[in-house]
Amino acid sequence: MVVAFTGDPFLAREALLEEARLRGLTRFTEPTPEALAQALSPGLFGGAGAMLDLREVGEAEWKALKPLLEGVPEEVPVLLLDPKPTPARAAFYRARERRDFPTPKGKDLVRHLEHRAKRLGFRLPAGVAQYLAGLEPDLEALERELEKLALLEPPLTLEKVERVVALRPPVTGFQLVGAVLEGNAKEAFRRLRALREEGEEPLRVLGALSWQYALLARAWMLLKENPRPKEEDLARLEAHPFAARKALERAKGLGLEELKRALDLLMAAEERAKGGKDPWLALEEAVLGLIDPRVSAG
């Protein structure tokens, strides 16, 4: 019996190890014909069976393993960890049992994190779960962070989590926009400097800022239509629910002309950056212009 575990590497490996525990398999077999042939033969200390990790197995190695796998008896368990199978291996699995574990996205990822936190013995507040879901698609990295959060004293606030979590958020412009709207030039330029030191692309940061301000504009228009939007209205903002709620909070204190000016300024900065001007200088001028209305968009 050959069973392939595919999909998300963390979920697939976890499911494979649970199945291995139920079948008395304790360690991975080296993915070579010799090692597999030995594992498929009953030994003095147990029955036949094998676990194979195929993540680093090339086509030539697979061709050598395939004849042995084709001849596995139904009563002999062979568990294959293969998150992203090649076309050849995917075709092989069509005639066998394949258990697929897709990486959860959006609300499914939030629910996954809440469930994992519950397994670790603590409750994950909705805002914290949404924050974590926006950080990193790697479930194993998120699991390590949840293990750290399990050690914190409740209540588990977003501020407390931000101080502890080691994952770097994707470049969204989220914190930059917060500093800009607060008129905190020191904080805004500190974040810009950190991004530059980390090797971030200035055009990518400009794009993230533009997206954030476009989100604020959509939030402003939604509030104009309905000053008290409901949860289902958030989908209109085309953003993660946590980011959408933050945008609604921030948009309350903004005016339409202010938003138009910000978007014009960012578009002009992007044009200058793409037109030959130092991209970091264009970005810094844009941030300064967002903070100080006296700075022109040209």
C-alpha atoms as a PDB file:
ATOM      1  CA  MET A   1       0.000   0.000   0.000  1.00  0.00           C
ATOM      2  CA  VAL A   2       1.543   3.261  -1.168  1.00  0.00           C
ATOM      3  CA  VAL A   3       0.164   6.523   0.253  1.00  0.00           C
ATOM      4  CA  ALA A   4       1.450   9.898  -0.968  1.00  0.00           C
ATOM      5  CA  PHE A   5       1.143  12.997   1.234  1.00  0.00           C
ATOM      6  CA  THR A   6       1.111  16.177  -0.850  1.00  0.00           C
ATOM      7  CA  GLY A   7       0.254  19.871  -0.496  1.00  0.00           C
ATOM      8  CA  ASP A   8       1.551  22.085   2.286  1.00  0.00           C
ATOM      9  CA  PRO A   9       4.929  20.728   3.528  1.00  0.00           C
ATOM     10  CA  PHE A  10       4.084  21.265   7.221  1.00  0.00           C
ATOM     11  CA  LEU A  11       0.601  19.730   7.061  1.00  0.00           C
ATOM     12  CA  ALA A  12       1.677  16.873   4.782  1.00  0.00           C
ATOM     13  CA  ARG A  13       4.603  15.920   7.025  1.00  0.00           C
ATOM     14  CA  GLU A  14       2.458  16.118  10.164  1.00  0.00           C
ATOM     15  CA  ALA A  15      -0.206  13.882   8.616  1.00  0.00           C
ATOM     16  CA  LEU A  16       2.419  11.408   7.382  1.00  0.00           C
ATOM     17  CA  LEU A  17       4.025  11.155  10.839  1.00  0.00           C
ATOM     18  CA  GLU A  18       0.641  10.508  12.444  1.00  0.00           C
ATOM     19  CA  GLU A  19      -0.088   7.745   9.924  1.00  0.00           C
ATOM     20  CA  ALA A  20       3.419   6.343  10.515  1.00  0.00           C
ATOM     21  CA  ARG A  21       2.781   6.256  14.263  1.00  0.00           C
ATOM     22  CA  LEU A  22      -0.412   4.278  13.737  1.00  0.00           C
ATOM     23  CA  ARG A  23       1.438   1.794  11.496  1.00  0.00           C
ATOM     24  CA  GLY A  24       4.499   1.415  13.701  1.00  0.00           C
ATOM     25  CA  LEU A  25       6.951   3.203  11.388  1.00  0.00           C
ATOM     26  CA  THR A  26       9.512   5.250  13.280  1.00  0.00           C
ATOM     27  CA  ARG A  27      12.033   6.715  10.847  1.00  0.00           C
ATOM     28  CA  PHE A  28      12.494   7.815   7.255  1.00  0.00           C
ATOM     29  CA  THR A  29      14.211   5.425   4.870  1.00  0.00           C
ATOM     30  CA  GLU A  30      16.941   6.779   2.626  1.00  0.00           C
ATOM     31  CA  PRO A  31      15.383   7.263  -0.842  1.00  0.00           C
ATOM     32  CA  THR A  32      17.618   4.784  -2.650  1.00  0.00           C
ATOM     33  CA  PRO A  33      16.635   1.452  -4.249  1.00  0.00           C
ATOM     34  CA  GLU A  34      18.931  -0.465  -1.874  1.00  0.00           C
ATOM     35  CA  ALA A  35      17.537   1.123   1.311  1.00  0.00           C
ATOM     36  CA  LEU A  36      13.939   0.824   0.104  1.00  0.00           C
ATOM     37  CA  ALA A  37      14.366  -2.849  -0.861  1.00  0.00           C
ATOM     38  CA  GLN A  38      15.723  -3.567   2.612  1.00  0.00           C
ATOM     39  CA  ALA A  39      12.846  -1.696   4.295  1.00  0.00           C
ATOM     40  CA  LEU A  40      10.289  -3.654   2.259  1.00  0.00           C
ATOM     41  CA  SER A  41      11.674  -6.961   3.558  1.00  0.00           C
ATOM     42  CA  PRO A  42      10.388  -8.065   6.993  1.00  0.00           C
ATOM     43  CA  GLY A  43      13.110  -7.957   9.611  1.00  0.00           C
ATOM     44  CA  LEU A  44      13.737  -9.626  12.946  1.00  0.00           C
ATOM     45  CA  PHE A  45      12.406  -6.651  14.889  1.00  0.00           C
ATOM     46  CA  GLY A  46       9.312  -5.732  12.920  1.00  0.00           C
ATOM     47  CA  GLY A  47       7.309  -5.943   9.736  1.00  0.00           C
ATOM     48  CA  ALA A  48       8.088  -4.385   6.405  1.00  0.00           C
ATOM     49  CA  GLY A  49       7.284  -0.775   5.592  1.00  0.00           C
ATOM     50  CA  ALA A  50       8.911   2.543   4.793  1.00  0.00           C
ATOM     51  CA  MET A  51       8.653   6.314   4.944  1.00  0.00           C
ATOM     52  CA  LEU A  52      10.313   8.219   2.097  1.00  0.00           C
ATOM     53  CA  ASP A  53      10.945  11.956   1.852  1.00  0.00           C
ATOM     54  CA  LEU A  54      10.889  12.744  -1.884  1.00  0.00           C
ATOM     55  CA  ARG A  55      11.342  16.516  -1.640  1.00  0.00           C
ATOM     56  CA  GLU A  56      14.939  16.399  -2.886  1.00  0.00           C
ATOM     57  CA  VAL A  57      14.593  13.371  -5.158  1.00  0.00           C
ATOM     58  CA  GLY A  58      15.359  14.006  -8.843  1.00  0.00           C
ATOM     59  CA  GLU A  59      13.926  12.295 -11.896  1.00  0.00           C
ATOM     60  CA  ALA A  60      16.766   9.773 -12.200  1.00  0.00           C
ATOM     61  CA  GLU A  61      16.421   8.753  -8.550  1.00  0.00           C
ATOM     62  CA  TRP A  62      12.646   8.491  -8.937  1.00  0.00           C
ATOM     63  CA  LYS A  63      12.992   6.186 -11.957  1.00  0.00           C
ATOM     64  CA  ALA A  64      15.160   3.891  -9.842  1.00  0.00           C
ATOM     65  CA  LEU A  65      12.619   3.833  -6.985  1.00  0.00           C
ATOM     66  CA  LYS A  66       9.490   3.477  -9.104  1.00  0.00           C
ATOM     67  CA  PRO A  67       9.778  -0.260  -9.978  1.00  0.00           C
ATOM     68  CA  LEU A  68      10.054  -1.138  -6.287  1.00  0.00           C
ATOM     69  CA  LEU A  69       7.064   1.062  -5.407  1.00  0.00           C
ATOM     70  CA  GLU A  70       4.973  -0.502  -8.181  1.00  0.00           C
ATOM     71  CA  GLY A  71       5.487  -3.906  -6.586  1.00  0.00           C
ATOM     72  CA  VAL A  72       4.613  -2.976  -2.996  1.00  0.00           C
ATOM     73  CA  PRO A  73       2.048  -5.477  -1.591  1.00  0.00           C
ATOM     74  CA  GLU A  74      -1.200  -4.036  -0.222  1.00  0.00           C
ATOM     75  CA  GLU A  75      -0.364  -5.128   3.325  1.00  0.00           C
ATOM     76  CA  VAL A  76       3.014  -3.290   3.358  1.00  0.00           C
ATOM     77  CA  PRO A  77       2.709   0.445   4.181  1.00  0.00           C
ATOM     78  CA  VAL A  78       4.902   2.832   2.241  1.00  0.00           C
ATOM     79  CA  LEU A  79       4.320   6.505   3.071  1.00  0.00           C
ATOM     80  CA  LEU A  80       5.684   9.139   0.693  1.00  0.00           C
ATOM     81  CA  LEU A  81       6.248  12.774   1.694  1.00  0.00           C
ATOM     82  CA  ASP A  82       5.982  14.680  -1.576  1.00  0.00           C
ATOM     83  CA  PRO A  83       4.495  18.187  -1.082  1.00  0.00           C
ATOM     84  CA  LYS A  84       5.020  19.250  -4.697  1.00  0.00           C
ATOM     85  CA  PRO A  85       5.232  16.122  -6.853  1.00  0.00           C
ATOM     86  CA  THR A  86       6.711  16.276 -10.326  1.00  0.00           C
ATOM     87  CA  PRO A  87       4.329  15.459 -13.240  1.00  0.00           C
ATOM     88  CA  ALA A  88       5.743  11.940 -13.389  1.00  0.00           C
ATOM     89  CA  ARG A  89       5.135  11.291  -9.700  1.00  0.00           C
ATOM     90  CA  ALA A  90       1.689  12.916  -9.824  1.00  0.00           C
ATOM     91  CA  ALA A  91       0.777  10.524 -12.647  1.00  0.00           C
ATOM     92  CA  PHE A  92       2.009   7.585 -10.541  1.00  0.00           C
ATOM     93  CA  TYR A  93      -0.178   8.678  -7.610  1.00  0.00           C
ATOM     94  CA  ARG A  94      -3.346   8.729  -9.725  1.00  0.00           C
ATOM     95  CA  ALA A  95      -3.607   4.949  -9.394  1.00  0.00           C
ATOM     96  CA  ARG A  96      -2.792   5.049  -5.671  1.00  0.00           C
ATOM     97  CA  GLU A  97      -3.923   6.783  -2.523  1.00  0.00           C
ATOM     98  CA  ARG A  98      -3.004  10.456  -2.428  1.00  0.00           C
ATOM     99  CA  ARG A  99      -3.786  12.664   0.560  1.00  0.00           C
ATOM    100  CA  ASP A 100      -3.518  16.322  -0.300  1.00  0.00           C
ATOM    101  CA  PHE A 101      -3.233  19.114   2.282  1.00  0.00           C
ATOM    102  CA  PRO A 102      -3.456  22.539   0.617  1.00  0.00           C
ATOM    103  CA  THR A 103      -1.995  25.531   2.450  1.00  0.00           C
ATOM    104  CA  PRO A 104      -4.879  27.407   4.100  1.00  0.00           C
ATOM    105  CA  LYS A 105      -5.448  30.966   2.886  1.00  0.00           C
ATOM    106  CA  GLY A 106      -7.445  33.929   4.139  1.00  0.00           C
ATOM    107  CA  LYS A 107     -10.140  32.967   6.651  1.00  0.00           C
ATOM    108  CA  ASP A 108      -9.016  29.329   6.505  1.00  0.00           C
ATOM    109  CA  LEU A 109      -5.532  30.347   7.641  1.00  0.00           C
ATOM    110  CA  VAL A 110      -6.983  32.403  10.504  1.00  0.00           C
ATOM    111  CA  ARG A 111      -9.062  29.392  11.591  1.00  0.00           C
ATOM    112  CA  HIS A 112      -5.988  27.152  11.278  1.00  0.00           C
ATOM    113  CA  LEU A 113      -4.014  29.431  13.606  1.00  0.00           C
ATOM    114  CA  GLU A 114      -6.848  29.606  16.131  1.00  0.00           C
ATOM    115  CA  HIS A 115      -7.113  25.809  16.098  1.00  0.00           C
ATOM    116  CA  ARG A 116      -3.354  25.331  16.531  1.00  0.00           C
ATOM    117  CA  ALA A 117      -3.302  27.811  19.421  1.00  0.00           C
ATOM    118  CA  LYS A 118      -6.129  25.867  21.081  1.00  0.00           C
ATOM    119  CA  ARG A 119      -4.060  22.683  20.741  1.00  0.00           C
ATOM    120  CA  LEU A 120      -1.207  24.489  22.500  1.00  0.00           C
ATOM    121  CA  GLY A 121      -3.538  25.436  25.353  1.00  0.00           C
ATOM    122  CA  PHE A 122      -4.359  29.076  24.784  1.00  0.00           C
ATOM    123  CA  ARG A 123      -6.919  31.226  23.001  1.00  0.00           C
ATOM    124  CA  LEU A 124      -5.750  33.352  20.085  1.00  0.00           C
ATOM    125  CA  PRO A 125      -7.724  36.624  19.818  1.00  0.00           C
ATOM    126  CA  ALA A 126      -9.194  37.286  16.365  1.00  0.00           C
ATOM    127  CA  GLY A 127      -7.077  40.400  15.764  1.00  0.00           C
ATOM    128  CA  VAL A 128      -3.873  38.560  16.663  1.00  0.00           C
ATOM    129  CA  ALA A 129      -4.795  35.609  14.439  1.00  0.00           C
ATOM    130  CA  GLN A 130      -5.408  37.967  11.514  1.00  0.00           C
ATOM    131  CA  TYR A 131      -2.110  39.758  12.181  1.00  0.00           C
ATOM    132  CA  LEU A 132      -0.193  36.464  12.175  1.00  0.00           C
ATOM    133  CA  ALA A 133      -2.001  35.288   9.036  1.00  0.00           C
ATOM    134  CA  GLY A 134      -0.726  38.355   7.213  1.00  0.00           C
ATOM    135  CA  LEU A 135       2.898  37.770   8.195  1.00  0.00           C
ATOM    136  CA  GLU A 136       4.043  34.524   6.698  1.00  0.00           C
ATOM    137  CA  PRO A 137       2.559  31.728   4.578  1.00  0.00           C
ATOM    138  CA  ASP A 138       5.038  29.204   6.011  1.00  0.00           C
ATOM    139  CA  LEU A 139       2.945  27.196   8.479  1.00  0.00           C
ATOM    140  CA  GLU A 140       5.980  25.734  10.224  1.00  0.00           C
ATOM    141  CA  ALA A 141       7.358  29.211  10.983  1.00  0.00           C
ATOM    142  CA  LEU A 142       3.935  30.273  12.255  1.00  0.00           C
ATOM    143  CA  GLU A 143       3.796  27.173  14.463  1.00  0.00           C
ATOM    144  CA  ARG A 144       7.098  28.138  16.103  1.00  0.00           C
ATOM    145  CA  GLU A 145       5.705  31.609  16.825  1.00  0.00           C
ATOM    146  CA  LEU A 146       2.539  30.136  18.339  1.00  0.00           C
ATOM    147  CA  GLU A 147       4.706  28.028  20.632  1.00  0.00           C
ATOM    148  CA  LYS A 148       6.337  31.243  21.884  1.00  0.00           C
ATOM    149  CA  LEU A 149       2.992  32.972  22.347  1.00  0.00           C
ATOM    150  CA  ALA A 150       1.781  30.035  24.446  1.00  0.00           C
ATOM    151  CA  LEU A 151       4.364  31.064  27.068  1.00  0.00           C
ATOM    152  CA  LEU A 152       3.110  34.656  27.382  1.00  0.00           C
ATOM    153  CA  GLU A 153       0.933  35.858  30.221  1.00  0.00           C
ATOM    154  CA  PRO A 154      -2.622  36.681  29.128  1.00  0.00           C
ATOM    155  CA  PRO A 155      -4.192  38.846  27.890  1.00  0.00           C
ATOM    156  CA  LEU A 156      -2.560  38.377  24.507  1.00  0.00           C
ATOM    157  CA  THR A 157      -2.616  41.860  22.961  1.00  0.00           C
ATOM    158  CA  LEU A 158      -1.506  42.780  19.456  1.00  0.00           C
ATOM    159  CA  GLU A 159       1.186  45.089  20.875  1.00  0.00           C
ATOM    160  CA  LYS A 160       2.599  42.255  22.998  1.00  0.00           C
ATOM    161  CA  VAL A 161       2.597  39.874  20.031  1.00  0.00           C
ATOM    162  CA  GLU A 162       4.358  42.376  17.737  1.00  0.00           C
ATOM    163  CA  ARG A 163       7.199  42.644  20.261  1.00  0.00           C
ATOM    164  CA  VAL A 164       7.660  38.858  20.520  1.00  0.00           C
ATOM    165  CA  VAL A 165       7.075  37.559  16.996  1.00  0.00           C
ATOM    166  CA  ALA A 166      10.305  37.205  15.034  1.00  0.00           C
ATOM    167  CA  LEU A 167       8.774  36.924  11.566  1.00  0.00           C
ATOM    168  CA  ARG A 168       9.280  39.889   9.323  1.00  0.00           C
ATOM    169  CA  PRO A 169       6.030  41.170   7.847  1.00  0.00           C
ATOM    170  CA  PRO A 170       5.888  41.473   4.065  1.00  0.00           C
ATOM    171  CA  VAL A 171       6.451  44.971   2.745  1.00  0.00           C
ATOM    172  CA  THR A 172       2.961  46.441   2.916  1.00  0.00           C
ATOM    173  CA  GLY A 173       3.639  50.061   3.798  1.00  0.00           C
ATOM    174  CA  PHE A 174       1.336  49.486   6.774  1.00  0.00           C
ATOM    175  CA  GLN A 175       3.649  50.846   9.461  1.00  0.00           C
ATOM    176  CA  LEU A 176       4.964  53.567   7.171  1.00  0.00           C
ATOM    177  CA  VAL A 177       1.449  54.853   6.548  1.00  0.00           C
ATOM    178  CA  GLY A 178       0.775  54.847  10.287  1.00  0.00           C
ATOM    179  CA  ALA A 179       3.859  56.968  10.949  1.00  0.00           C
ATOM    180  CA  VAL A 180       3.014  59.316   8.053  1.00  0.00           C
ATOM    181  CA  LEU A 181      -0.579  59.865   9.158  1.00  0.00           C
ATOM    182  CA  GLU A 182       0.652  60.614  12.662  1.00  0.00           C
ATOM    183  CA  GLY A 183       3.082  63.150  11.210  1.00  0.00           C
ATOM    184  CA  ASN A 184       5.944  61.221  12.811  1.00  0.00           C
ATOM    185  CA  ALA A 185       8.795  61.932  10.396  1.00  0.00           C
ATOM    186  CA  LYS A 186      11.412  60.404  12.695  1.00  0.00           C
ATOM    187  CA  GLU A 187       9.575  57.056  12.835  1.00  0.00           C
ATOM    188  CA  ALA A 188       8.779  57.082   9.102  1.00  0.00           C
ATOM    189  CA  PHE A 189      12.411  57.646   8.116  1.00  0.00           C
ATOM    190  CA  ARG A 190      13.597  55.107  10.695  1.00  0.00           C
ATOM    191  CA  ARG A 191      11.426  52.501   8.966  1.00  0.00           C
ATOM    192  CA  LEU A 192      12.687  53.589   5.551  1.00  0.00           C
ATOM    193  CA  ARG A 193      16.273  53.269   6.732  1.00  0.00           C
ATOM    194  CA  ALA A 194      15.614  49.775   8.129  1.00  0.00           C
ATOM    195  CA  LEU A 195      14.049  48.672   4.823  1.00  0.00           C
ATOM    196  CA  ARG A 196      17.048  50.000   2.910  1.00  0.00           C
ATOM    197  CA  GLU A 197      19.496  48.209   5.194  1.00  0.00           C
ATOM    198  CA  GLU A 198      17.566  44.975   4.675  1.00  0.00           C
ATOM    199  CA  GLY A 199      18.006  45.328   0.912  1.00  0.00           C
ATOM    200  CA  GLU A 200      14.381  46.120   0.088  1.00  0.00           C
ATOM    201  CA  GLU A 201      13.655  47.526  -3.369  1.00  0.00           C
ATOM    202  CA  PRO A 202      12.546  51.205  -3.211  1.00  0.00           C
ATOM    203  CA  LEU A 203      10.064  50.760  -6.072  1.00  0.00           C
ATOM    204  CA  ARG A 204       8.465  47.891  -4.163  1.00  0.00           C
ATOM    205  CA  VAL A 205       8.091  50.114  -1.101  1.00  0.00           C
ATOM    206  CA  LEU A 206       6.606  52.873  -3.250  1.00  0.00           C
ATOM    207  CA  GLY A 207       4.151  50.379  -4.705  1.00  0.00           C
ATOM    208  CA  ALA A 208       3.191  49.177  -1.226  1.00  0.00           C
ATOM    209  CA  LEU A 209       2.623  52.768  -0.087  1.00  0.00           C
ATOM    210  CA  SER A 210       0.473  53.488  -3.130  1.00  0.00           C
ATOM    211  CA  TRP A 211      -1.586  50.373  -2.454  1.00  0.00           C
ATOM    212  CA  GLN A 212      -2.098  51.388   1.179  1.00  0.00           C
ATOM    213  CA  TYR A 213      -3.281  54.863   0.210  1.00  0.00           C
ATOM    214  CA  ALA A 214      -5.585  53.417  -2.444  1.00  0.00           C
ATOM    215  CA  LEU A 215      -7.002  51.186   0.308  1.00  0.00           C
ATOM    216  CA  LEU A 216      -7.538  54.260   2.490  1.00  0.00           C
ATOM    217  CA  ALA A 217      -9.374  55.954  -0.394  1.00  0.00           C
ATOM    218  CA  ARG A 218     -11.651  52.918  -0.821  1.00  0.00           C
ATOM    219  CA  ALA A 219     -12.275  52.879   2.934  1.00  0.00           C
ATOM    220  CA  TRP A 220     -13.103  56.602   2.874  1.00  0.00           C
ATOM    221  CA  MET A 221     -15.657  56.047   0.088  1.00  0.00           C
ATOM    222  CA  LEU A 222     -17.198  53.103   1.939  1.00  0.00           C
ATOM    223  CA  LEU A 223     -17.585  55.235   5.066  1.00  0.00           C
ATOM    224  CA  LYS A 224     -19.146  57.975   2.953  1.00  0.00           C
ATOM    225  CA  GLU A 225     -21.823  55.514   1.810  1.00  0.00           C
ATOM    226  CA  ASN A 226     -22.230  53.836   5.183  1.00  0.00           C
ATOM    227  CA  PRO A 227     -20.693  55.442   8.295  1.00  0.00           C
ATOM    228  CA  ARG A 228     -21.158  52.156  10.183  1.00  0.00           C
ATOM    229  CA  PRO A 229     -20.138  49.377   7.780  1.00  0.00           C
ATOM    230  CA  LYS A 230     -20.760  45.761   8.716  1.00  0.00           C
ATOM    231  CA  GLU A 231     -18.311  42.883   8.623  1.00  0.00           C
ATOM    232  CA  GLU A 232     -19.569  41.719   5.215  1.00  0.00           C
ATOM    233  CA  ASP A 233     -18.836  45.191   3.776  1.00  0.00           C
ATOM    234  CA  LEU A 234     -15.102  44.677   4.359  1.00  0.00           C
ATOM    235  CA  ALA A 235     -14.852  42.449   1.281  1.00  0.00           C
ATOM    236  CA  ARG A 236     -15.417  45.541  -0.883  1.00  0.00           C
ATOM    237  CA  LEU A 237     -12.066  46.911   0.262  1.00  0.00           C
ATOM    238  CA  GLU A 238     -10.213  43.964  -1.367  1.00  0.00           C
ATOM    239  CA  ALA A 239      -7.837  43.579   1.557  1.00  0.00           C
ATOM    240  CA  HIS A 240      -7.155  41.254   4.466  1.00  0.00           C
ATOM    241  CA  PRO A 241      -9.895  41.820   7.107  1.00  0.00           C
ATOM    242  CA  PHE A 242      -7.341  43.091   9.650  1.00  0.00           C
ATOM    243  CA  ALA A 243      -5.906  45.609   7.154  1.00  0.00           C
ATOM    244  CA  ALA A 244      -9.427  46.579   6.058  1.00  0.00           C
ATOM    245  CA  ARG A 245     -10.506  47.369   9.614  1.00  0.00           C
ATOM    246  CA  LYS A 246      -7.342  49.398  10.210  1.00  0.00           C
ATOM    247  CA  ALA A 247      -7.965  51.319   6.993  1.00  0.00           C
ATOM    248  CA  LEU A 248     -11.516  52.151   8.106  1.00  0.00           C
ATOM    249  CA  GLU A 249     -10.196  53.448  11.438  1.00  0.00           C
ATOM    250  CA  ARG A 250      -7.578  55.610   9.744  1.00  0.00           C
ATOM    251  CA  ALA A 251      -9.861  56.855   6.972  1.00  0.00           C
ATOM    252  CA  LYS A 252     -12.261  58.436   9.491  1.00  0.00           C
ATOM    253  CA  GLY A 253      -9.874  61.320  10.089  1.00  0.00           C
ATOM    254  CA  LEU A 254      -8.993  61.937   6.447  1.00  0.00           C
ATOM    255  CA  GLY A 255     -10.434  64.149   3.736  1.00  0.00           C
ATOM    256  CA  LEU A 256     -10.881  63.333   0.069  1.00  0.00           C
ATOM    257  CA  GLU A 257      -8.514  66.098  -1.071  1.00  0.00           C
ATOM    258  CA  GLU A 258      -5.834  64.827   1.281  1.00  0.00           C
ATOM    259  CA  LEU A 259      -6.137  61.332  -0.173  1.00  0.00           C
ATOM    260  CA  LYS A 260      -6.088  62.587  -3.771  1.00  0.00           C
ATOM    261  CA  ARG A 261      -2.975  64.641  -3.053  1.00  0.00           C
ATOM    262  CA  ALA A 262      -1.239  61.633  -1.473  1.00  0.00           C
ATOM    263  CA  LEU A 263      -1.998  59.384  -4.450  1.00  0.00           C
ATOM    264  CA  ASP A 264      -0.844  62.071  -6.910  1.00  0.00           C
ATOM    265  CA  LEU A 265       2.358  62.531  -4.945  1.00  0.00           C
ATOM    266  CA  LEU A 266       3.098  58.790  -4.917  1.00  0.00           C
ATOM    267  CA  MET A 267       2.375  58.434  -8.634  1.00  0.00           C
ATOM    268  CA  ALA A 268       4.736  61.330  -9.382  1.00  0.00           C
ATOM    269  CA  ALA A 269       7.433  59.771  -7.184  1.00  0.00           C
ATOM    270  CA  GLU A 270       7.100  56.450  -8.990  1.00  0.00           C
ATOM    271  CA  GLU A 271       7.401  58.157 -12.369  1.00  0.00           C
ATOM    272  CA  ARG A 272      10.566  59.968 -11.225  1.00  0.00           C
ATOM    273  CA  ALA A 273      12.043  56.755  -9.821  1.00  0.00           C
ATOM    274  CA  LYS A 274      11.380  54.886 -13.067  1.00  0.00           C
ATOM    275  CA  GLY A 275      12.554  57.835 -15.147  1.00  0.00           C
ATOM    276  CA  GLY A 276      16.143  57.783 -13.940  1.00  0.00           C
ATOM    277  CA  LYS A 277      16.063  59.601 -10.605  1.00  0.00           C
ATOM    278  CA  ASP A 278      17.602  57.883  -7.586  1.00  0.00           C
ATOM    279  CA  PRO A 279      14.669  55.633  -6.481  1.00  0.00           C
ATOM    280  CA  TRP A 280      15.483  55.962  -2.776  1.00  0.00           C
ATOM    281  CA  LEU A 281      15.618  59.750  -3.071  1.00  0.00           C
ATOM    282  CA  ALA A 282      12.257  59.741  -4.873  1.00  0.00           C
ATOM    283  CA  LEU A 283      10.805  57.542  -2.136  1.00  0.00           C
ATOM    284  CA  GLU A 284      12.167  59.733   0.675  1.00  0.00           C
ATOM    285  CA  GLU A 285      10.831  62.876  -1.002  1.00  0.00           C
ATOM    286  CA  ALA A 286       7.430  61.216  -1.338  1.00  0.00           C
ATOM    287  CA  VAL A 287       7.343  60.296   2.352  1.00  0.00           C
ATOM    288  CA  LEU A 288       8.364  63.828   3.301  1.00  0.00           C
ATOM    289  CA  GLY A 289       5.647  65.197   1.024  1.00  0.00           C
ATOM    290  CA  LEU A 290       3.036  62.944   2.613  1.00  0.00           C
ATOM    291  CA  ILE A 291       3.991  64.222   6.066  1.00  0.00           C
ATOM    292  CA  ASP A 292       4.386  67.917   5.127  1.00  0.00           C
ATOM    293  CA  PRO A 293       1.660  69.295   2.797  1.00  0.00           C
ATOM    294  CA  ARG A 294       3.962  72.211   1.880  1.00  0.00           C
ATOM    295  CA  VAL A 295       6.122  69.809  -0.156  1.00  0.00           C
ATOM    296  CA  SER A 296       4.901  69.597  -3.759  1.00  0.00           C
ATOM    297  CA  ALA A 297       4.229  66.403  -5.675  1.00  0.00           C
ATOM    298  CA  GLY A 298       6.511  67.447  -8.529  1.00  0.00           C
END
